[in-house]
Amino acid sequence: MPQGDKSAYTKKQKRQAKHIEDGYLERGVPEERAEEIAWSTVNKQDGGGNQDGAGRSASRSEAAKKGWATRRAKQ
């Protein structure tokens, strides 16, 4: 049975879980099991309840800045 509060998930993750769940329900999987599979799939893809933009850092690393500057200097 799915546990926990789903408020930490983004709207996109919730939509994805609903879409996955609907697909399993169409195949005749019981509702509880379909929900379990859906949230497991979202967790597997995204690593859990991520917030918007959680996969990107706010600023570039020093190496990224240096590489960007080097590429610009060659032009």
C-alpha atoms as a PDB file:
ATOM      1  CA  MET A   1       0.000   0.000   0.000  1.00  0.00           C
ATOM      2  CA  PRO A   2       1.375   3.472  -0.837  1.00  0.00           C
ATOM      3  CA  GLN A   3       2.410   5.356   2.242  1.00  0.00           C
ATOM      4  CA  GLY A   4       3.336   8.867   3.132  1.00  0.00           C
ATOM      5  CA  ASP A   5       2.402  12.361   2.198  1.00  0.00           C
ATOM      6  CA  LYS A   6       2.562  13.140  -1.522  1.00  0.00           C
ATOM      7  CA  SER A   7       2.832  16.912  -1.032  1.00  0.00           C
ATOM      8  CA  ALA A   8       6.600  16.828  -1.635  1.00  0.00           C
ATOM      9  CA  TYR A   9       6.023  15.742  -5.238  1.00  0.00           C
ATOM     10  CA  THR A  10       5.806  18.232  -8.093  1.00  0.00           C
ATOM     11  CA  LYS A  11       2.668  18.628 -10.181  1.00  0.00           C
ATOM     12  CA  LYS A  12       4.459  16.896 -13.047  1.00  0.00           C
ATOM     13  CA  GLN A  13       5.335  13.895 -10.864  1.00  0.00           C
ATOM     14  CA  LYS A  14       1.735  13.651  -9.665  1.00  0.00           C
ATOM     15  CA  ARG A  15       0.481  13.767 -13.283  1.00  0.00           C
ATOM     16  CA  GLN A  16       2.949  11.063 -14.264  1.00  0.00           C
ATOM     17  CA  ALA A  17       1.861   8.823 -11.381  1.00  0.00           C
ATOM     18  CA  LYS A  18      -1.807   9.301 -12.304  1.00  0.00           C
ATOM     19  CA  HIS A  19      -1.103   8.457 -15.943  1.00  0.00           C
ATOM     20  CA  ILE A  20       0.853   5.326 -14.993  1.00  0.00           C
ATOM     21  CA  GLU A  21      -1.867   4.276 -12.553  1.00  0.00           C
ATOM     22  CA  ASP A  22      -4.576   4.712 -15.211  1.00  0.00           C
ATOM     23  CA  GLY A  23      -2.619   2.492 -17.578  1.00  0.00           C
ATOM     24  CA  TYR A  24      -2.444  -0.300 -15.029  1.00  0.00           C
ATOM     25  CA  LEU A  25      -6.139   0.071 -14.164  1.00  0.00           C
ATOM     26  CA  GLU A  26      -6.993  -0.356 -17.851  1.00  0.00           C
ATOM     27  CA  ARG A  27      -5.074  -3.646 -17.795  1.00  0.00           C
ATOM     28  CA  GLY A  28      -7.188  -4.876 -14.893  1.00  0.00           C
ATOM     29  CA  VAL A  29      -4.689  -4.406 -12.067  1.00  0.00           C
ATOM     30  CA  PRO A  30      -6.392  -3.712  -8.714  1.00  0.00           C
ATOM     31  CA  GLU A  31      -6.512  -0.004  -7.761  1.00  0.00           C
ATOM     32  CA  GLU A  32      -4.237  -0.255  -4.707  1.00  0.00           C
ATOM     33  CA  ARG A  33      -1.588  -2.204  -6.615  1.00  0.00           C
ATOM     34  CA  ALA A  34      -1.777   0.182  -9.594  1.00  0.00           C
ATOM     35  CA  GLU A  35      -1.139   3.137  -7.278  1.00  0.00           C
ATOM     36  CA  GLU A  36       1.807   1.328  -5.654  1.00  0.00           C
ATOM     37  CA  ILE A  37       3.378   0.612  -9.032  1.00  0.00           C
ATOM     38  CA  ALA A  38       2.776   4.165 -10.244  1.00  0.00           C
ATOM     39  CA  TRP A  39       4.513   5.831  -7.287  1.00  0.00           C
ATOM     40  CA  SER A  40       7.312   3.259  -7.359  1.00  0.00           C
ATOM     41  CA  THR A  41       7.896   4.118 -11.007  1.00  0.00           C
ATOM     42  CA  VAL A  42       7.933   7.869 -10.325  1.00  0.00           C
ATOM     43  CA  ASN A  43      10.368   7.324  -7.442  1.00  0.00           C
ATOM     44  CA  LYS A  44      12.599   5.171  -9.622  1.00  0.00           C
ATOM     45  CA  GLN A  45      12.668   7.781 -12.402  1.00  0.00           C
ATOM     46  CA  ASP A  46      13.097  10.887 -10.246  1.00  0.00           C
ATOM     47  CA  GLY A  47      14.590   9.657  -7.008  1.00  0.00           C
ATOM     48  CA  GLY A  48      11.578  10.508  -4.878  1.00  0.00           C
ATOM     49  CA  GLY A  49       9.676  13.703  -4.188  1.00  0.00           C
ATOM     50  CA  ASN A  50      11.880  16.287  -5.823  1.00  0.00           C
ATOM     51  CA  GLN A  51      11.064  19.955  -5.806  1.00  0.00           C
ATOM     52  CA  ASP A  52      11.050  21.999  -9.013  1.00  0.00           C
ATOM     53  CA  GLY A  53      14.540  22.384 -10.413  1.00  0.00           C
ATOM     54  CA  ALA A  54      16.106  20.219  -7.744  1.00  0.00           C
ATOM     55  CA  GLY A  55      18.403  18.571 -10.270  1.00  0.00           C
ATOM     56  CA  ARG A  56      20.191  21.798 -11.241  1.00  0.00           C
ATOM     57  CA  SER A  57      22.488  23.880  -9.118  1.00  0.00           C
ATOM     58  CA  ALA A  58      21.874  27.591  -8.903  1.00  0.00           C
ATOM     59  CA  SER A  59      25.314  28.528 -10.182  1.00  0.00           C
ATOM     60  CA  ARG A  60      27.943  26.977 -12.395  1.00  0.00           C
ATOM     61  CA  SER A  61      31.018  25.310 -10.982  1.00  0.00           C
ATOM     62  CA  GLU A  62      34.401  26.930 -11.462  1.00  0.00           C
ATOM     63  CA  ALA A  63      35.272  24.337 -14.118  1.00  0.00           C
ATOM     64  CA  ALA A  64      32.075  25.080 -16.035  1.00  0.00           C
ATOM     65  CA  LYS A  65      32.764  28.822 -15.888  1.00  0.00           C
ATOM     66  CA  LYS A  66      36.327  28.319 -17.122  1.00  0.00           C
ATOM     67  CA  GLY A  67      35.176  26.067 -19.977  1.00  0.00           C
ATOM     68  CA  TRP A  68      32.524  28.561 -21.021  1.00  0.00           C
ATOM     69  CA  ALA A  69      35.031  31.424 -20.997  1.00  0.00           C
ATOM     70  CA  THR A  70      37.547  29.365 -22.980  1.00  0.00           C
ATOM     71  CA  ARG A  71      35.004  28.498 -25.660  1.00  0.00           C
ATOM     72  CA  ARG A  72      33.964  32.137 -25.944  1.00  0.00           C
ATOM     73  CA  ALA A  73      37.570  33.309 -26.263  1.00  0.00           C
ATOM     74  CA  LYS A  74      38.153  31.047 -29.291  1.00  0.00           C
ATOM     75  CA  GLN A  75      35.412  32.677 -31.339  1.00  0.00           C
END
